[in-house]
N, C-alpha and C. Protein backbone atom coordinates (compact mmCIF):
# COMPACT_ATOMS: atom_id res chain seq x y z
N MET A 1 0.93 -1.09 0.12
CA MET A 1 0.04 -0.05 0.05
C MET A 1 0.97 1.37 -0.09
N ILE A 2 2.04 1.04 0.59
CA ILE A 2 2.83 2.42 0.67
C ILE A 2 3.22 3.07 -0.54
N GLY A 3 3.61 2.17 -1.43
CA GLY A 3 4.24 2.64 -2.32
C GLY A 3 3.10 2.56 -3.63
N ASP A 4 1.99 2.18 -3.21
CA ASP A 4 0.57 2.21 -4.71
C ASP A 4 -0.01 3.12 -4.07
N GLU A 5 -0.11 4.15 -4.97
CA GLU A 5 -1.07 5.38 -4.72
C GLU A 5 -2.83 5.03 -4.83
N THR A 6 -2.76 3.94 -6.22
CA THR A 6 -3.89 3.48 -5.94
C THR A 6 -4.61 2.67 -4.81
N THR A 7 -4.11 1.97 -4.42
CA THR A 7 -4.46 1.20 -3.38
C THR A 7 -4.51 2.24 -2.25
N ARG A 8 -3.69 2.88 -2.09
CA ARG A 8 -3.63 3.88 -0.41
C ARG A 8 -5.04 4.65 -0.80
N LYS A 9 -5.90 5.23 -2.00
CA LYS A 9 -6.77 6.25 -2.03
C LYS A 9 -7.91 5.04 -1.98
N GLU A 10 -7.72 3.89 -2.58
CA GLU A 10 -9.07 2.59 -2.50
C GLU A 10 -9.37 2.38 -1.30
N TRP A 11 -7.94 2.61 -0.11
CA TRP A 11 -8.24 1.81 1.20
C TRP A 11 -8.04 3.27 2.37
N GLU A 12 -8.37 4.55 1.74
CA GLU A 12 -8.37 5.73 2.63
C GLU A 12 -9.13 5.78 3.82
N LEU A 13 -8.52 5.92 4.95
CA LEU A 13 -9.33 5.92 6.03
C LEU A 13 -10.60 7.09 6.06
N GLY A 14 -11.58 6.87 6.66
CA GLY A 14 -12.49 7.61 6.62
C GLY A 14 -13.67 7.44 5.79
N LYS A 15 -13.22 6.38 4.67
CA LYS A 15 -14.09 6.04 3.58
C LYS A 15 -15.12 4.87 4.03
N ARG A 16 -16.02 5.61 3.52
CA ARG A 16 -17.43 4.38 3.88
C ARG A 16 -16.96 2.91 3.15
N VAL A 17 -17.15 1.78 3.61
CA VAL A 17 -16.69 0.39 3.15
C VAL A 17 -17.68 -0.56 3.41
N GLY A 18 -18.65 -0.46 4.33
CA GLY A 18 -19.67 -1.53 4.39
C GLY A 18 -20.87 -0.72 5.02
N CYS A 19 -22.01 -1.87 5.46
CA CYS A 19 -23.03 -1.05 5.87
C CYS A 19 -22.76 -0.79 7.30
N GLU A 20 -23.83 0.31 7.90
CA GLU A 20 -23.47 0.86 9.20
C GLU A 20 -23.38 -0.18 10.35
N GLU A 21 -24.02 -0.94 10.22
CA GLU A 21 -23.74 -2.20 11.45
C GLU A 21 -22.62 -2.79 11.81
N LEU A 22 -22.03 -2.65 10.25
CA LEU A 22 -20.61 -3.44 10.45
C LEU A 22 -19.30 -2.91 11.39
N THR A 23 -18.75 -3.72 11.91
CA THR A 23 -17.58 -3.49 12.82
C THR A 23 -16.56 -4.00 12.69
N ILE A 24 -15.47 -4.33 12.07
CA ILE A 24 -14.05 -5.28 12.01
C ILE A 24 -13.24 -4.98 13.38
N THR A 25 -12.80 -5.29 13.81
CA THR A 25 -11.93 -5.78 15.05
C THR A 25 -10.62 -6.74 14.65
N GLU A 26 -9.44 -5.91 15.12
CA GLU A 26 -7.90 -6.82 14.97
C GLU A 26 -7.54 -6.43 16.36
N THR A 27 -7.14 -7.88 16.84
CA THR A 27 -5.96 -7.52 18.28
C THR A 27 -5.58 -8.87 18.66
N GLY A 28 -4.22 -9.00 19.54
CA GLY A 28 -3.34 -9.93 19.51
C GLY A 28 -3.62 -10.37 20.85
N ASN A 29 -4.83 -10.04 21.71
CA ASN A 29 -5.13 -10.09 23.14
C ASN A 29 -5.86 -11.10 23.38
N ILE A 30 -6.52 -12.08 22.15
CA ILE A 30 -7.32 -13.06 22.33
C ILE A 30 -6.87 -14.27 22.39
N ILE A 31 -7.18 -14.94 23.61
CA ILE A 31 -6.49 -16.20 23.93
C ILE A 31 -6.89 -16.99 22.65
N GLY A 32 -5.67 -18.31 21.98
CA GLY A 32 -6.24 -18.70 20.88
C GLY A 32 -5.16 -18.48 19.96
N ASN A 33 -5.30 -19.10 18.71
CA ASN A 33 -3.71 -19.20 17.34
C ASN A 33 -3.54 -17.88 17.60
N GLY A 34 -4.03 -16.80 17.61
CA GLY A 34 -3.81 -15.66 17.09
C GLY A 34 -3.21 -14.74 18.42
N TYR A 35 -3.14 -15.19 19.48
CA TYR A 35 -2.72 -14.39 20.51
C TYR A 35 -1.28 -14.27 20.71
N THR A 36 -0.94 -12.75 20.70
CA THR A 36 0.41 -12.34 20.38
C THR A 36 0.11 -10.89 20.97
N PRO A 37 0.58 -11.11 22.51
CA PRO A 37 0.66 -9.67 23.28
C PRO A 37 1.59 -8.84 22.75
N TYR A 38 2.72 -9.36 22.53
CA TYR A 38 3.72 -8.67 21.78
C TYR A 38 4.36 -8.92 20.69
N ASP A 39 4.75 -8.26 19.37
CA ASP A 39 4.93 -8.75 18.30
C ASP A 39 6.45 -8.79 18.27
N ASP A 40 6.89 -9.18 17.12
CA ASP A 40 8.08 -9.40 16.73
C ASP A 40 8.89 -8.23 16.78
N GLU A 41 8.65 -7.14 17.17
CA GLU A 41 9.39 -5.80 17.21
C GLU A 41 9.42 -5.33 18.69
N GLY A 42 8.62 -6.27 19.47
CA GLY A 42 8.44 -5.71 20.82
C GLY A 42 7.36 -4.70 21.13
N ASN A 43 6.39 -4.55 20.13
CA ASN A 43 5.13 -3.67 20.28
C ASN A 43 4.08 -4.48 20.83
N LYS A 44 3.49 -3.68 21.66
CA LYS A 44 2.32 -4.31 22.11
C LYS A 44 1.24 -4.51 21.55
N ALA A 45 0.45 -5.46 21.81
CA ALA A 45 -0.57 -5.55 20.91
C ALA A 45 -1.61 -4.09 21.30
N THR A 46 -2.48 -4.25 20.29
CA THR A 46 -3.53 -3.15 20.59
C THR A 46 -4.89 -3.40 20.09
N MET A 47 -5.91 -2.84 20.61
CA MET A 47 -7.64 -3.32 19.74
C MET A 47 -7.68 -2.30 18.60
N THR A 48 -7.54 -2.77 17.47
CA THR A 48 -7.61 -2.03 16.16
C THR A 48 -9.16 -1.83 15.64
N HIS A 49 -9.84 -1.11 15.31
CA HIS A 49 -11.25 -0.89 14.81
C HIS A 49 -10.99 -1.03 13.41
N LEU A 50 -10.58 -2.01 12.71
CA LEU A 50 -10.35 -1.73 10.97
C LEU A 50 -11.57 -1.02 10.07
N VAL A 51 -12.37 -1.35 10.75
CA VAL A 51 -13.89 -0.57 10.32
C VAL A 51 -14.83 -0.46 11.42
N LYS A 52 -15.25 0.40 11.56
CA LYS A 52 -16.45 1.11 12.86
C LYS A 52 -17.41 1.61 11.96
N ASN A 53 -18.76 0.83 12.19
CA ASN A 53 -20.24 1.07 11.70
C ASN A 53 -19.85 1.80 10.27
N GLY A 54 -19.21 0.63 9.26
CA GLY A 54 -19.30 0.87 8.39
C GLY A 54 -18.03 1.73 7.49
N ILE A 55 -17.39 2.59 8.41
CA ILE A 55 -16.44 3.36 8.02
C ILE A 55 -14.90 2.62 8.23
N LEU A 56 -14.26 3.07 7.12
CA LEU A 56 -12.45 2.56 7.36
C LEU A 56 -12.06 3.36 8.43
N THR A 57 -11.24 2.58 9.62
CA THR A 57 -10.78 3.54 10.48
C THR A 57 -9.70 3.40 10.73
N GLY A 58 -9.08 2.05 10.54
CA GLY A 58 -7.74 1.58 11.29
C GLY A 58 -7.29 0.86 10.15
N ARG A 59 -5.77 0.69 10.15
CA ARG A 59 -5.00 -0.34 9.91
C ARG A 59 -3.79 -1.15 10.23
N LEU A 60 -3.37 -2.41 9.76
CA LEU A 60 -2.38 -3.08 10.47
C LEU A 60 -1.29 -2.29 10.37
N HIS A 61 -0.11 -2.27 11.30
CA HIS A 61 0.87 -1.68 11.09
C HIS A 61 2.12 -2.13 11.98
N ASN A 62 3.25 -2.27 11.14
CA ASN A 62 5.08 -2.23 12.19
C ASN A 62 5.40 -1.12 12.28
N SER A 63 6.57 -1.22 12.95
CA SER A 63 7.01 0.29 12.95
C SER A 63 7.28 1.14 11.84
N ASP A 64 7.82 0.54 10.63
CA ASP A 64 7.96 0.89 9.11
C ASP A 64 6.88 1.43 8.79
N SER A 65 5.82 0.64 8.63
CA SER A 65 4.65 1.23 8.18
C SER A 65 3.95 2.38 8.91
N ALA A 66 3.79 2.17 10.02
CA ALA A 66 3.27 3.13 10.64
C ALA A 66 3.97 4.50 10.62
N ALA A 67 5.39 4.70 10.60
CA ALA A 67 6.39 5.42 10.34
C ALA A 67 5.80 6.26 9.23
N ASP A 68 5.76 5.86 7.80
CA ASP A 68 5.56 5.72 6.63
C ASP A 68 4.10 6.42 6.68
N LEU A 69 3.25 5.96 7.26
CA LEU A 69 1.86 6.64 7.10
C LEU A 69 1.73 7.44 8.14
N ASP A 70 2.76 7.91 9.01
CA ASP A 70 2.42 8.64 9.78
C ASP A 70 1.01 8.19 11.00
N GLU A 71 0.91 7.10 11.20
CA GLU A 71 0.13 6.36 12.10
C GLU A 71 0.67 5.73 13.34
N ASP A 72 -0.37 5.02 14.05
CA ASP A 72 0.58 4.20 15.38
C ASP A 72 0.74 3.04 15.00
N VAL A 73 1.56 2.52 15.74
CA VAL A 73 2.10 0.58 15.76
C VAL A 73 0.65 0.15 16.30
N THR A 74 0.47 -1.27 15.61
CA THR A 74 -0.38 -1.88 16.42
C THR A 74 -0.06 -3.16 16.62
N GLY A 75 1.22 -3.55 16.81
CA GLY A 75 1.74 -4.75 17.09
C GLY A 75 1.41 -6.06 16.44
N ASN A 76 1.65 -5.53 14.81
CA ASN A 76 1.36 -6.33 13.94
C ASN A 76 2.79 -6.98 13.09
N SER A 77 3.63 -7.01 13.78
CA SER A 77 4.94 -7.35 13.00
C SER A 77 5.06 -8.51 13.50
N ARG A 78 5.30 -9.68 12.39
CA ARG A 78 5.17 -11.19 12.57
C ARG A 78 5.87 -11.73 11.51
N SER A 79 6.48 -12.76 12.32
CA SER A 79 7.40 -13.83 11.13
C SER A 79 7.41 -15.25 11.88
N VAL A 80 7.27 -16.02 10.69
CA VAL A 80 7.03 -17.54 11.35
C VAL A 80 8.20 -18.09 12.10
N SER A 81 9.44 -17.40 12.00
CA SER A 81 10.58 -18.20 12.77
C SER A 81 11.61 -17.02 12.33
N PHE A 82 12.65 -17.36 12.93
CA PHE A 82 13.84 -16.34 13.10
C PHE A 82 14.65 -16.31 11.42
N GLU A 83 14.10 -17.17 10.72
CA GLU A 83 14.71 -17.17 9.51
C GLU A 83 14.18 -16.20 8.41
N PHE A 84 13.19 -15.43 8.77
CA PHE A 84 12.54 -14.46 8.02
C PHE A 84 12.52 -13.09 8.92
N GLU A 85 12.11 -12.17 7.58
CA GLU A 85 11.79 -10.62 8.47
C GLU A 85 10.28 -10.71 8.84
N PRO A 86 10.23 -10.37 9.91
CA PRO A 86 8.83 -9.69 10.52
C PRO A 86 8.16 -8.59 9.67
N VAL A 87 7.07 -9.05 9.22
CA VAL A 87 6.31 -8.31 8.20
C VAL A 87 4.77 -7.99 9.17
N VAL A 88 3.96 -7.47 8.34
CA VAL A 88 2.96 -6.93 8.73
C VAL A 88 1.69 -8.18 8.75
N ARG A 89 1.45 -8.51 9.63
CA ARG A 89 0.55 -9.71 9.64
C ARG A 89 -0.75 -9.65 10.54
N MET A 90 -1.65 -10.24 10.18
CA MET A 90 -2.85 -10.27 11.15
C MET A 90 -2.48 -11.14 12.51
N THR A 91 -2.99 -10.99 13.48
CA THR A 91 -3.39 -11.74 14.88
C THR A 91 -4.66 -12.58 14.98
N THR A 92 -5.41 -12.00 15.52
CA THR A 92 -7.14 -12.43 15.76
C THR A 92 -8.10 -11.14 15.21
N THR A 93 -8.40 -11.15 13.69
CA THR A 93 -9.49 -10.40 13.24
C THR A 93 -10.71 -11.23 12.91
N TYR A 94 -11.65 -10.33 13.36
CA TYR A 94 -13.17 -10.49 13.77
C TYR A 94 -14.30 -9.82 13.13
N ILE A 95 -15.36 -10.05 12.82
CA ILE A 95 -16.14 -8.95 12.68
C ILE A 95 -16.91 -8.99 14.11
N ASP A 96 -17.32 -8.00 14.45
CA ASP A 96 -18.52 -7.99 15.58
C ASP A 96 -19.67 -8.24 15.75
N LYS A 97 -20.67 -8.49 16.69
CA LYS A 97 -21.81 -9.01 16.71
C LYS A 97 -22.60 -7.70 16.11
N GLY A 98 -23.99 -7.85 15.93
CA GLY A 98 -25.24 -7.42 15.54
C GLY A 98 -26.07 -7.31 16.27
N SER A 99 -27.21 -7.32 15.39
CA SER A 99 -28.27 -7.12 16.44
C SER A 99 -29.19 -8.13 16.06
N LYS A 100 -29.48 -9.06 15.40
CA LYS A 100 -30.27 -10.06 15.06
C LYS A 100 -29.77 -11.18 15.57
N THR A 101 -31.00 -12.03 15.84
CA THR A 101 -30.62 -13.52 16.49
C THR A 101 -30.75 -14.34 15.13
N TYR A 102 -30.09 -15.32 15.25
CA TYR A 102 -29.56 -16.61 14.43
C TYR A 102 -30.77 -16.78 13.58
N ASP A 103 -31.90 -17.41 14.30
CA ASP A 103 -33.23 -17.54 14.13
C ASP A 103 -33.84 -16.43 13.21
N GLU A 104 -33.69 -15.10 13.55
CA GLU A 104 -34.39 -14.19 12.83
C GLU A 104 -33.64 -13.88 11.81
N LEU A 105 -32.44 -14.32 11.52
CA LEU A 105 -31.57 -14.27 10.21
C LEU A 105 -32.12 -15.12 9.10
N ILE A 106 -32.42 -16.46 9.42
CA ILE A 106 -32.61 -17.34 8.94
C ILE A 106 -34.33 -17.03 8.40
N ALA A 107 -35.26 -17.03 9.26
CA ALA A 107 -36.65 -16.56 9.17
C ALA A 107 -36.95 -15.55 8.17
N GLU A 108 -36.08 -14.48 7.80
CA GLU A 108 -36.30 -13.13 7.08
C GLU A 108 -35.76 -13.49 5.74
N THR A 109 -35.15 -14.57 5.65
CA THR A 109 -34.60 -15.38 4.07
C THR A 109 -35.59 -16.00 3.17
N GLU A 110 -36.00 -15.41 2.45
CA GLU A 110 -36.72 -15.81 1.21
C GLU A 110 -36.11 -16.91 0.36
N ASN A 111 -34.66 -16.65 0.26
CA ASN A 111 -33.87 -17.53 -1.17
C ASN A 111 -32.66 -17.16 -0.68
N GLY A 112 -31.96 -18.12 -0.45
CA GLY A 112 -30.37 -18.15 -0.44
C GLY A 112 -29.68 -19.37 -0.29
N VAL A 113 -28.45 -19.11 0.68
CA VAL A 113 -27.25 -20.61 1.01
C VAL A 113 -26.68 -19.97 2.03
N ILE A 114 -27.09 -20.95 2.89
CA ILE A 114 -26.00 -20.66 4.26
C ILE A 114 -24.63 -21.74 4.25
N LEU A 115 -23.90 -20.87 4.76
CA LEU A 115 -22.36 -21.77 4.40
C LEU A 115 -22.12 -22.01 5.75
N LYS A 116 -21.51 -23.42 6.13
CA LYS A 116 -21.15 -23.96 7.14
C LYS A 116 -19.65 -24.23 7.18
N GLY A 117 -19.14 -23.57 8.10
CA GLY A 117 -17.32 -23.81 8.01
C GLY A 117 -16.71 -23.46 7.21
N LEU A 118 -15.51 -23.42 7.01
CA LEU A 118 -14.81 -22.53 6.34
C LEU A 118 -13.47 -23.94 5.96
N ASN A 119 -12.69 -23.89 4.67
CA ASN A 119 -11.63 -24.85 4.15
C ASN A 119 -10.69 -23.89 4.12
N HIS A 120 -10.87 -22.94 3.32
CA HIS A 120 -9.91 -21.47 3.26
C HIS A 120 -10.55 -20.64 2.44
N GLY A 121 -9.66 -19.69 2.59
CA GLY A 121 -10.30 -18.13 1.67
C GLY A 121 -9.01 -17.35 1.74
N SER A 122 -9.10 -16.42 0.75
CA SER A 122 -7.92 -15.54 0.54
C SER A 122 -8.77 -14.03 -0.02
N GLY A 123 -7.63 -13.05 -0.12
CA GLY A 123 -8.40 -11.51 -1.22
C GLY A 123 -7.86 -10.44 -0.33
N LEU A 124 -8.12 -9.46 -1.05
CA LEU A 124 -7.71 -8.20 -0.70
C LEU A 124 -8.94 -7.19 -0.90
N SER A 125 -8.73 -6.73 -2.57
CA SER A 125 -9.96 -5.91 -2.87
C SER A 125 -11.04 -7.05 -3.63
N THR A 126 -10.71 -8.10 -4.10
CA THR A 126 -11.83 -9.17 -4.31
C THR A 126 -11.09 -10.54 -3.28
N PHE A 127 -12.53 -11.34 -3.21
CA PHE A 127 -12.14 -12.52 -2.26
C PHE A 127 -12.58 -13.79 -2.70
N THR A 128 -12.14 -14.92 -2.00
CA THR A 128 -12.85 -16.19 -2.45
C THR A 128 -12.83 -16.59 -1.17
N ILE A 129 -13.95 -17.16 -0.99
CA ILE A 129 -14.20 -18.16 0.29
C ILE A 129 -14.81 -19.76 -0.18
N ALA A 130 -14.19 -20.57 0.09
CA ALA A 130 -14.37 -22.17 0.06
C ALA A 130 -15.01 -22.96 1.30
N PRO A 131 -16.19 -22.81 1.49
CA PRO A 131 -16.90 -23.46 2.51
C PRO A 131 -16.40 -24.79 2.68
N SER A 132 -16.94 -25.38 3.82
CA SER A 132 -16.61 -26.50 4.23
C SER A 132 -18.04 -27.58 3.69
N TYR A 133 -19.39 -26.95 3.96
CA TYR A 133 -20.39 -27.62 3.73
C TYR A 133 -21.49 -26.34 3.14
N ALA A 134 -22.45 -26.32 2.61
CA ALA A 134 -23.74 -25.60 2.75
C ALA A 134 -24.95 -25.84 2.32
N TYR A 135 -25.85 -25.04 2.86
CA TYR A 135 -27.21 -25.67 2.81
C TYR A 135 -28.25 -24.31 1.87
N TYR A 136 -28.95 -24.94 1.07
CA TYR A 136 -30.46 -24.01 0.61
C TYR A 136 -31.05 -23.29 1.91
N VAL A 137 -31.69 -22.14 1.88
CA VAL A 137 -32.39 -21.80 2.57
C VAL A 137 -33.81 -21.16 1.70
N LYS A 138 -34.81 -21.93 2.31
CA LYS A 138 -35.79 -21.25 1.59
C LYS A 138 -37.44 -20.92 2.17
N ASN A 139 -37.70 -19.80 1.90
CA ASN A 139 -39.06 -19.28 2.65
C ASN A 139 -38.60 -19.57 4.08
N GLY A 140 -37.61 -18.98 4.47
CA GLY A 140 -37.34 -18.76 6.10
C GLY A 140 -36.84 -20.40 6.89
N LYS A 141 -36.71 -21.40 5.94
CA LYS A 141 -36.22 -22.70 6.79
C LYS A 141 -34.95 -23.28 5.58
N ILE A 142 -34.33 -23.40 6.62
CA ILE A 142 -33.12 -24.29 6.02
C ILE A 142 -33.07 -25.89 5.45
N GLY A 143 -32.63 -25.93 4.30
CA GLY A 143 -33.09 -27.30 3.22
C GLY A 143 -32.27 -27.80 3.13
N LYS A 144 -32.15 -28.58 2.18
CA LYS A 144 -31.24 -29.74 1.52
C LYS A 144 -29.76 -28.85 1.72
N PRO A 145 -28.77 -30.02 1.64
CA PRO A 145 -27.29 -29.61 1.32
C PRO A 145 -27.13 -29.30 -0.11
N VAL A 146 -26.22 -28.36 -0.27
CA VAL A 146 -26.28 -27.87 -1.58
C VAL A 146 -24.45 -28.08 -2.13
N ARG A 147 -23.84 -28.40 -2.95
CA ARG A 147 -22.64 -28.78 -3.30
C ARG A 147 -21.96 -27.20 -3.98
N ILE A 148 -21.14 -26.30 -2.98
CA ILE A 148 -20.72 -24.77 -3.60
C ILE A 148 -18.84 -25.24 -3.61
N SER A 149 -18.20 -24.87 -4.52
CA SER A 149 -16.54 -24.87 -4.67
C SER A 149 -16.23 -23.45 -3.98
N VAL A 150 -16.78 -22.51 -4.46
CA VAL A 150 -15.99 -21.16 -4.10
C VAL A 150 -17.28 -20.28 -3.77
N VAL A 151 -17.18 -19.09 -3.03
CA VAL A 151 -17.95 -18.03 -2.56
C VAL A 151 -17.22 -16.61 -3.41
N THR A 152 -17.27 -15.63 -4.12
CA THR A 152 -16.49 -14.97 -4.57
C THR A 152 -17.12 -13.37 -4.87
N GLY A 153 -16.08 -12.20 -4.60
CA GLY A 153 -16.75 -11.26 -4.92
C GLY A 153 -15.78 -10.27 -5.10
N ASN A 154 -16.27 -8.94 -4.54
CA ASN A 154 -15.45 -7.67 -4.88
C ASN A 154 -15.92 -7.26 -2.85
N VAL A 155 -14.90 -7.23 -2.18
CA VAL A 155 -15.19 -6.56 -0.79
C VAL A 155 -15.86 -5.74 -0.51
N PHE A 156 -15.28 -4.40 -1.09
CA PHE A 156 -16.64 -3.52 -0.95
C PHE A 156 -17.96 -3.43 -1.33
N GLU A 157 -18.13 -4.00 -2.42
CA GLU A 157 -19.45 -4.61 -2.76
C GLU A 157 -20.37 -5.38 -1.75
N ALA A 158 -19.50 -6.39 -1.38
CA ALA A 158 -19.92 -7.68 -0.28
C ALA A 158 -20.42 -6.74 1.01
N LEU A 159 -19.34 -6.22 1.39
CA LEU A 159 -19.63 -5.37 2.62
C LEU A 159 -20.95 -4.38 2.55
N ASN A 160 -21.16 -3.72 1.45
CA ASN A 160 -22.13 -2.84 1.39
C ASN A 160 -23.22 -3.69 1.16
N ASP A 161 -23.21 -4.77 0.99
CA ASP A 161 -24.61 -5.64 0.68
C ASP A 161 -24.96 -6.17 1.82
N ILE A 162 -24.16 -6.16 3.35
CA ILE A 162 -24.84 -6.94 4.22
C ILE A 162 -25.92 -6.37 4.75
N ASP A 163 -26.99 -7.08 4.82
CA ASP A 163 -28.29 -6.85 5.22
C ASP A 163 -28.89 -7.15 6.67
N GLY A 164 -27.84 -7.90 7.48
CA GLY A 164 -28.36 -8.74 8.55
C GLY A 164 -27.02 -9.13 9.42
N ILE A 165 -26.70 -9.09 10.62
CA ILE A 165 -25.78 -9.48 11.34
C ILE A 165 -26.39 -10.09 12.71
N THR A 166 -25.85 -11.39 13.02
CA THR A 166 -26.48 -11.67 14.53
C THR A 166 -25.75 -11.75 15.40
N ASP A 167 -26.35 -11.55 17.13
CA ASP A 167 -25.70 -11.15 17.85
C ASP A 167 -24.79 -12.04 18.72
N THR A 168 -24.32 -13.13 17.92
CA THR A 168 -23.21 -13.76 18.61
C THR A 168 -21.86 -14.02 17.99
N VAL A 169 -20.86 -13.69 18.29
CA VAL A 169 -19.50 -13.88 17.38
C VAL A 169 -18.90 -15.21 17.92
N VAL A 170 -18.43 -16.22 16.89
CA VAL A 170 -17.54 -17.31 17.23
C VAL A 170 -16.36 -17.21 16.79
N MET A 171 -15.20 -17.69 17.47
CA MET A 171 -13.60 -17.67 17.12
C MET A 171 -13.52 -18.99 16.80
N ASP A 172 -12.48 -18.57 15.50
CA ASP A 172 -12.15 -19.88 15.01
C ASP A 172 -10.67 -19.98 14.82
N SER A 173 -9.92 -21.02 14.14
CA SER A 173 -8.73 -21.21 13.42
C SER A 173 -8.39 -22.20 12.99
N PHE A 174 -7.41 -22.27 12.19
CA PHE A 174 -6.94 -23.42 11.23
C PHE A 174 -6.01 -24.10 12.05
N VAL A 175 -5.83 -24.99 12.40
CA VAL A 175 -5.16 -26.00 12.90
C VAL A 175 -3.29 -25.72 12.78
N GLY A 176 -3.28 -25.82 11.69
CA GLY A 176 -1.95 -25.68 10.77
C GLY A 176 -1.22 -24.47 10.63
N GLY A 177 -2.08 -23.31 10.94
CA GLY A 177 -1.69 -22.11 10.90
C GLY A 177 -2.89 -21.33 10.11
N GLY A 178 -2.86 -20.48 9.12
CA GLY A 178 -3.71 -19.55 8.45
C GLY A 178 -3.25 -18.36 7.50
N CYS A 179 -2.00 -17.82 7.84
CA CYS A 179 -1.46 -16.53 7.05
C CYS A 179 -0.25 -16.99 6.20
N GLY A 180 0.00 -17.04 4.73
CA GLY A 180 0.82 -17.44 4.11
C GLY A 180 1.30 -16.29 3.62
N LYS A 181 1.37 -15.23 4.08
CA LYS A 181 1.88 -13.49 3.51
C LYS A 181 3.45 -13.96 2.95
N MET A 182 3.68 -13.46 1.98
CA MET A 182 5.07 -13.11 1.33
C MET A 182 6.07 -14.46 1.71
N GLY A 183 4.89 -15.82 1.49
CA GLY A 183 5.50 -17.26 1.66
C GLY A 183 6.06 -17.70 2.99
N GLN A 184 5.63 -16.79 4.04
CA GLN A 184 5.91 -17.27 5.11
C GLN A 184 4.57 -18.12 5.79
N PHE A 185 4.55 -19.43 5.81
CA PHE A 185 3.65 -20.19 6.12
C PHE A 185 3.65 -21.26 6.89
N PRO A 186 3.54 -21.80 7.90
CA PRO A 186 1.95 -21.21 8.50
C PRO A 186 2.30 -20.64 9.63
N LEU A 187 1.50 -19.02 9.41
CA LEU A 187 1.39 -18.20 10.48
C LEU A 187 0.23 -18.69 11.33
N PRO A 188 0.13 -18.70 12.84
CA PRO A 188 -1.09 -18.95 13.52
C PRO A 188 -1.79 -17.78 13.58
N VAL A 189 -2.84 -17.96 13.25
CA VAL A 189 -4.08 -16.76 13.22
C VAL A 189 -5.36 -16.85 13.63
N GLY A 190 -6.27 -16.03 14.32
CA GLY A 190 -7.38 -16.40 14.48
C GLY A 190 -8.42 -15.50 13.83
N PHE A 191 -9.79 -16.05 13.65
CA PHE A 191 -10.67 -15.07 12.98
C PHE A 191 -11.73 -15.72 13.38
N GLY A 192 -12.98 -14.87 13.30
CA GLY A 192 -14.33 -15.24 13.47
C GLY A 192 -15.35 -14.09 13.49
N GLY A 193 -16.72 -14.43 13.98
CA GLY A 193 -17.59 -13.54 13.54
C GLY A 193 -18.93 -14.00 13.75
N PRO A 194 -20.27 -13.25 13.79
CA PRO A 194 -21.14 -13.52 13.47
C PRO A 194 -21.88 -14.32 12.45
N TYR A 195 -22.77 -14.79 12.03
CA TYR A 195 -23.27 -15.00 10.51
C TYR A 195 -23.86 -13.77 10.06
N ILE A 196 -23.60 -13.84 8.80
CA ILE A 196 -24.33 -12.56 7.79
C ILE A 196 -24.82 -12.90 6.71
N ARG A 197 -25.76 -11.87 6.73
CA ARG A 197 -26.62 -12.23 5.24
C ARG A 197 -25.99 -10.99 4.62
N VAL A 198 -25.64 -11.52 3.05
CA VAL A 198 -25.14 -10.48 2.11
C VAL A 198 -26.21 -10.83 0.99
N LYS A 199 -26.93 -9.62 0.36
CA LYS A 199 -28.24 -9.90 -0.51
C LYS A 199 -27.40 -10.50 -1.84
N ASN A 200 -26.09 -10.22 -2.32
CA ASN A 200 -25.51 -10.60 -3.37
C ASN A 200 -24.26 -11.20 -3.57
N MET A 201 -24.31 -12.73 -3.86
CA MET A 201 -22.92 -13.27 -3.98
C MET A 201 -22.89 -13.98 -5.15
N GLN A 202 -21.69 -14.23 -5.66
CA GLN A 202 -21.02 -14.85 -6.63
C GLN A 202 -20.76 -16.33 -5.98
N VAL A 203 -21.57 -17.48 -6.54
CA VAL A 203 -21.71 -18.88 -5.88
C VAL A 203 -21.25 -19.88 -6.91
N GLN A 204 -20.35 -20.33 -6.97
CA GLN A 204 -20.06 -21.20 -8.24
C GLN A 204 -19.80 -22.77 -7.23
């Protein structure tokens, strides 16, 4: 981002990037795979709101990136071992809870697909999610299973198309790690969130 003006404008702080109910948080202080109370530069973990009420409000930083963008360090300088240079990496990133119950979210859905579990995912401005399994939702009821390889889309479009977030957050992680940035794999990270309903998605 630092040397890419197009990306810097696309991810400019203060920009609306999602629905008003959406808040995305990142912290190394949650016990689990992403627990990193101090990063590999000795910076203390912080509670960073990447998105708050749909507005882009924060970014992850190590000392170099924070200095270059005149922002605060966030405790996100990490490497998989002494053989690698620490770079900006996630710790535990999650979507905060919303206002609907799970039953309300399903009951209000006329036609859709619910994803259960996650095999893998990746992305920046665009994303790809490969679910473990999925089911049709028809007239407010969960129906038969459906085979889905991936769900893809544009991050900003998907975040703005959210029209329901449940009131319970569940944390998760991959046993073997999770983040493979710059060939440093597997770095243990955590992630989580509530169930989220998105109006328009590309399903394959």
